[in-house]
Every structure is written in C-alpha cells, then in structure tokens.
Amino acid sequence: MKIALFAIFLLAPVLALADKPNPADYTIAVHVQSSRFVDQCSSDDKGSMCFMILSLSVLIDGKKVELDDQSPSKEVIVPGDYKARILKEDTSHSYEYSRTYELLFPDGATRKYNVVGASE
C-alpha cells in the first residue's frame, strides 16, 4: 500500500505537466486583426440549422487568412499577437490547401481553428 501511494506521489507532477502545452512547439506568429461571430447555417431533408461560430481575420507570414473556431465559444479573441502550430494540413495540390492551426494563449489554453479563406 505504501509503495502504491509513493508511486502515485512521484507520478502526480509528471501527469500534471502532461496536460500543459510546450510553448516551444508553437513557432508560428499569428496576428489577430479582428474577431467576430458569424452565422453558419446548414440544411438537409430534415430541415435547417444555424449557429454562431467565431471567425478570425489574421496575418500569418504576411498573408491574410480567415480562421474559424472548431468549438463553441462565447467570447471573441482580443486582437493581438499569438503563437500557433499546424495540427493538420493537406498541400497535395499546388493550387489548394487545407490547414488546421492550434493557437496558444497566454494562460496556456489552446484552441483549434480551420483555414476557411485566404487573400493577398
């Protein structure tokens, strides 16, 4: 019994740190220019459904990009500079791509955003 408690005591700090993202992994600079909620609607043969999603206008590597939040949110993001990393991308064609970024916030929280638009 004492050995089990000792093992748990030793592993607790390791498990607590496992949940926190490593800031060194977030190497992409993202400048949020604007943050707003937009209606997203879809319909099928059962009817239509609308909900609000958070849309960000950002600059990444000097390019204007539109990002949409993947999770429900009630707050807008304060414009400013954040760090990000690419979670998923498909660049198999030279003329199109899809990408998911994970933004790191100052308190260590993260949120995933899909690229939904790009301009020069």
Protein backbone atom coordinates (compact mmCIF):
# COMPACT_ATOMS: atom_id res chain seq x y z
CA MET A 1 0.00 0.00 0.00
CA LYS A 2 2.80 2.42 0.91
CA ILE A 3 4.60 1.63 -2.35
CA ALA A 4 1.47 2.41 -4.39
CA LEU A 5 0.98 5.74 -2.62
CA PHE A 6 4.64 6.60 -3.11
CA ALA A 7 4.40 5.79 -6.84
CA ILE A 8 1.30 7.99 -7.20
CA PHE A 9 3.08 10.77 -5.31
CA LEU A 10 6.03 10.57 -7.73
CA LEU A 11 3.86 10.45 -10.87
CA ALA A 12 1.49 13.30 -9.94
CA PRO A 13 3.80 16.12 -11.13
CA VAL A 14 4.51 14.30 -14.40
CA LEU A 15 0.80 13.81 -15.09
CA ALA A 16 0.04 17.43 -14.25
CA LEU A 17 2.68 18.67 -16.70
CA ALA A 18 1.47 16.35 -19.48
CA ASP A 19 -1.68 18.45 -19.94
CA LYS A 20 0.19 21.72 -20.46
CA PRO A 21 1.36 22.58 -23.97
CA ASN A 22 5.03 23.25 -24.58
CA PRO A 23 5.34 26.88 -25.80
CA ALA A 24 8.44 25.90 -27.83
CA ASP A 25 6.16 23.83 -30.11
CA TYR A 26 4.22 26.96 -31.15
CA THR A 27 6.60 28.59 -33.61
CA ILE A 28 4.19 30.34 -35.98
CA ALA A 29 3.45 34.02 -35.32
CA VAL A 30 -0.24 34.87 -35.75
CA HIS A 31 -1.51 38.44 -35.58
CA VAL A 32 -5.26 38.55 -34.93
CA GLN A 33 -6.65 41.63 -36.68
CA SER A 34 -10.32 41.06 -35.93
CA SER A 35 -12.57 38.58 -34.18
CA ARG A 36 -16.33 38.29 -34.69
CA PHE A 37 -19.22 35.86 -34.59
CA VAL A 38 -20.87 34.85 -37.86
CA ASP A 39 -23.94 32.74 -38.61
CA GLN A 40 -23.28 29.31 -40.05
CA CYS A 41 -26.30 27.53 -41.45
CA SER A 42 -26.76 24.12 -42.98
CA SER A 43 -29.79 22.31 -44.26
CA ASP A 44 -30.80 18.84 -45.26
CA ASP A 45 -34.05 16.99 -45.89
CA LYS A 46 -34.85 17.18 -42.14
CA GLY A 47 -34.66 20.98 -42.04
CA SER A 48 -32.13 23.70 -41.46
CA MET A 49 -29.95 24.59 -38.50
CA CYS A 50 -27.99 27.75 -37.75
CA PHE A 51 -25.43 28.52 -35.09
CA MET A 52 -22.79 31.14 -34.39
CA ILE A 53 -19.10 30.46 -34.97
CA LEU A 54 -16.10 32.60 -34.13
CA SER A 55 -14.29 33.90 -37.21
CA LEU A 56 -10.82 35.46 -37.04
CA SER A 57 -9.08 37.66 -39.59
CA VAL A 58 -5.36 37.09 -39.06
CA LEU A 59 -1.96 37.68 -40.61
CA ILE A 60 0.35 34.66 -40.88
CA ASP A 61 3.69 35.14 -42.63
CA GLY A 62 2.40 38.43 -44.07
CA LYS A 63 -0.65 36.75 -45.65
CA LYS A 64 -4.27 37.49 -44.77
CA VAL A 65 -6.06 34.36 -43.59
CA GLU A 66 -9.57 33.71 -42.29
CA LEU A 67 -9.84 31.16 -39.47
CA ASP A 68 -12.98 29.60 -37.99
CA ASP A 69 -13.17 28.15 -34.50
CA GLN A 70 -13.86 24.40 -34.31
CA SER A 71 -15.50 24.54 -30.89
CA PRO A 72 -18.41 26.50 -29.44
CA SER A 73 -17.28 29.78 -27.93
CA LYS A 74 -18.97 32.65 -26.18
CA GLU A 75 -16.12 35.16 -26.27
CA VAL A 76 -14.28 36.99 -29.02
CA ILE A 77 -10.47 36.90 -29.14
CA VAL A 78 -8.66 40.11 -28.30
CA PRO A 79 -6.74 41.38 -31.36
CA GLY A 80 -3.00 40.99 -30.95
CA ASP A 81 -0.10 38.61 -31.37
CA TYR A 82 -0.30 34.90 -30.56
CA LYS A 83 1.76 31.78 -31.24
CA ALA A 84 0.43 28.78 -33.15
CA ARG A 85 1.35 25.43 -34.61
CA ILE A 86 -0.03 23.44 -37.53
CA LEU A 87 -2.02 20.43 -36.39
CA LYS A 88 -3.17 19.13 -39.74
CA GLU A 89 -2.66 20.11 -43.35
CA ASP A 90 -3.14 18.88 -46.89
CA THR A 91 -0.95 20.53 -49.52
CA SER A 92 -1.11 17.75 -52.10
CA HIS A 93 -2.08 20.19 -54.89
CA SER A 94 -0.12 23.34 -55.66
CA TYR A 95 -3.32 25.36 -56.19
CA GLU A 96 -5.22 24.49 -52.98
CA TYR A 97 -4.67 23.50 -49.38
CA SER A 98 -6.44 22.84 -46.11
CA ARG A 99 -4.90 23.54 -42.72
CA THR A 100 -5.80 23.46 -39.04
CA TYR A 101 -3.91 25.69 -36.60
CA GLU A 102 -3.80 25.43 -32.84
CA LEU A 103 -3.35 28.81 -31.15
CA LEU A 104 -1.66 29.12 -27.78
CA PHE A 105 -3.00 31.77 -25.43
CA PRO A 106 -1.05 33.50 -22.62
CA ASP A 107 -2.70 31.38 -19.89
CA GLY A 108 -1.62 28.15 -21.60
CA ALA A 109 -5.05 27.39 -23.08
CA THR A 110 -5.23 26.29 -26.71
CA ARG A 111 -7.94 26.36 -29.35
CA LYS A 112 -8.17 24.88 -32.86
CA TYR A 113 -9.01 26.90 -35.96
CA ASN A 114 -9.56 25.84 -39.58
CA VAL A 115 -8.41 27.96 -42.51
CA VAL A 116 -11.59 29.00 -44.37
CA GLY A 117 -10.20 31.81 -46.51
CA ALA A 118 -7.00 33.37 -47.81
CA SER A 119 -6.17 36.57 -49.66
CA GLU A 120 -3.14 38.64 -50.64
